[in-house]
Amino acid sequence: MTRAELIEALLKSCPELGSEGAATVVHEVIEAMCQSLERGERIELRGFGTFTLRTRGPITAHNPKTGEQVPLGERRFVHFKPGVQLKDRVNNMPH
């Protein structure tokens, strides 16, 4: 699902929002989630899942063209753990 498809789905269930209103709601929800993760906070959406920030330690990679060793510092990444209800819905779908 793309952002545009999410806006369309929101518009179908809440037509009174209008297209600009639905786009604003989607934008603000995503922005609030991004800001929360930037602060290192955990996001828990019951029934859907949890987003947390994790840290990956420094590694030494290599440039495939030259074979040169390249040190990469510590990095942060977003980890998503699906909730029980989401897992059940996905696993009980007909194939």
Protein backbone atom coordinates (compact mmCIF):
# COMPACT_ATOMS: atom_id res chain seq x y z
CA MET A 1 0.00 0.00 0.00
CA THR A 2 1.31 3.41 -0.93
CA ARG A 3 0.64 6.70 0.84
CA ALA A 4 -1.86 7.61 -1.90
CA GLU A 5 -3.69 4.30 -1.45
CA LEU A 6 -3.80 4.87 2.31
CA ILE A 7 -5.33 8.31 1.74
CA GLU A 8 -7.93 6.77 -0.61
CA ALA A 9 -8.82 4.11 1.97
CA LEU A 10 -9.22 6.77 4.66
CA LEU A 11 -11.36 8.83 2.30
CA LYS A 12 -13.66 5.84 1.65
CA SER A 13 -14.28 5.29 5.35
CA CYS A 14 -14.44 9.00 6.25
CA PRO A 15 -15.63 10.92 3.16
CA GLU A 16 -16.41 13.99 5.27
CA LEU A 17 -12.65 14.62 5.60
CA GLY A 18 -12.24 15.49 1.94
CA SER A 19 -9.10 14.63 0.01
CA GLU A 20 -7.01 17.42 1.54
CA GLY A 21 -8.15 16.51 5.04
CA ALA A 22 -7.36 12.82 4.55
CA ALA A 23 -3.93 13.69 3.13
CA THR A 24 -3.27 15.95 6.12
CA VAL A 25 -4.29 13.23 8.60
CA VAL A 26 -2.00 10.66 6.97
CA HIS A 27 0.86 13.17 6.81
CA GLU A 28 0.46 14.18 10.47
CA VAL A 29 0.29 10.58 11.73
CA ILE A 30 3.44 9.63 9.82
CA GLU A 31 5.19 12.82 10.97
CA ALA A 32 4.28 12.16 14.62
CA MET A 33 5.63 8.61 14.34
CA CYS A 34 8.89 9.83 12.75
CA GLN A 35 9.39 12.48 15.44
CA SER A 36 8.76 9.91 18.17
CA LEU A 37 11.36 7.55 16.70
CA GLU A 38 13.84 10.42 16.32
CA ARG A 39 13.51 10.98 20.08
CA GLY A 40 14.21 7.27 20.65
CA GLU A 41 10.67 6.56 21.80
CA ARG A 42 8.82 3.30 21.22
CA ILE A 43 5.60 3.31 19.18
CA GLU A 44 2.99 0.72 20.13
CA LEU A 45 -0.17 0.32 18.06
CA ARG A 46 -2.14 -2.40 19.82
CA GLY A 47 -3.32 -5.08 17.45
CA PHE A 48 -0.92 -3.90 14.76
CA GLY A 49 2.61 -3.90 16.17
CA THR A 50 5.50 -2.07 17.79
CA PHE A 51 8.18 0.12 16.24
CA THR A 52 11.42 0.48 18.18
CA LEU A 53 14.79 2.03 17.45
CA ARG A 54 17.77 -0.33 17.57
CA THR A 55 21.48 0.24 17.20
CA ARG A 56 23.81 -1.76 14.99
CA GLY A 57 27.45 -1.66 16.02
CA PRO A 58 30.31 -0.53 13.80
CA ILE A 59 31.45 -2.91 11.06
CA THR A 60 34.09 -3.05 8.37
CA ALA A 61 32.61 -3.35 4.89
CA HIS A 62 34.35 -3.44 1.55
CA ASN A 63 33.95 -1.58 -1.70
CA PRO A 64 33.01 -4.24 -4.30
CA LYS A 65 34.69 -2.32 -7.14
CA THR A 66 38.06 -1.80 -5.48
CA GLY A 67 38.01 -4.39 -2.68
CA GLU A 68 39.04 -1.59 -0.30
CA GLN A 69 38.06 -1.99 3.36
CA VAL A 70 35.61 0.72 4.48
CA PRO A 71 34.87 1.30 8.17
CA LEU A 72 31.18 1.99 8.91
CA GLY A 73 30.26 3.54 12.21
CA GLU A 74 27.41 2.71 14.52
CA ARG A 75 23.97 2.98 12.91
CA ARG A 76 20.42 3.16 14.15
CA PHE A 77 17.53 1.43 12.43
CA VAL A 78 13.81 0.99 12.94
CA HIS A 79 12.64 -2.46 13.98
CA PHE A 80 9.00 -3.53 13.59
CA LYS A 81 7.51 -6.37 15.60
CA PRO A 82 4.00 -7.32 14.44
CA GLY A 83 1.29 -7.69 17.06
CA VAL A 84 -0.56 -10.93 17.74
CA GLN A 85 -3.73 -9.82 15.93
CA LEU A 86 -1.78 -8.81 12.81
CA LYS A 87 0.12 -12.11 12.82
CA ASP A 88 -3.15 -14.04 13.14
CA ARG A 89 -4.81 -12.10 10.30
CA VAL A 90 -1.83 -12.61 7.97
CA ASN A 91 -1.39 -16.30 8.84
CA ASN A 92 -5.09 -17.13 8.50
CA MET A 93 -5.48 -15.62 5.03
CA PRO A 94 -6.51 -17.97 2.25
CA HIS A 95 -3.62 -18.68 -0.11
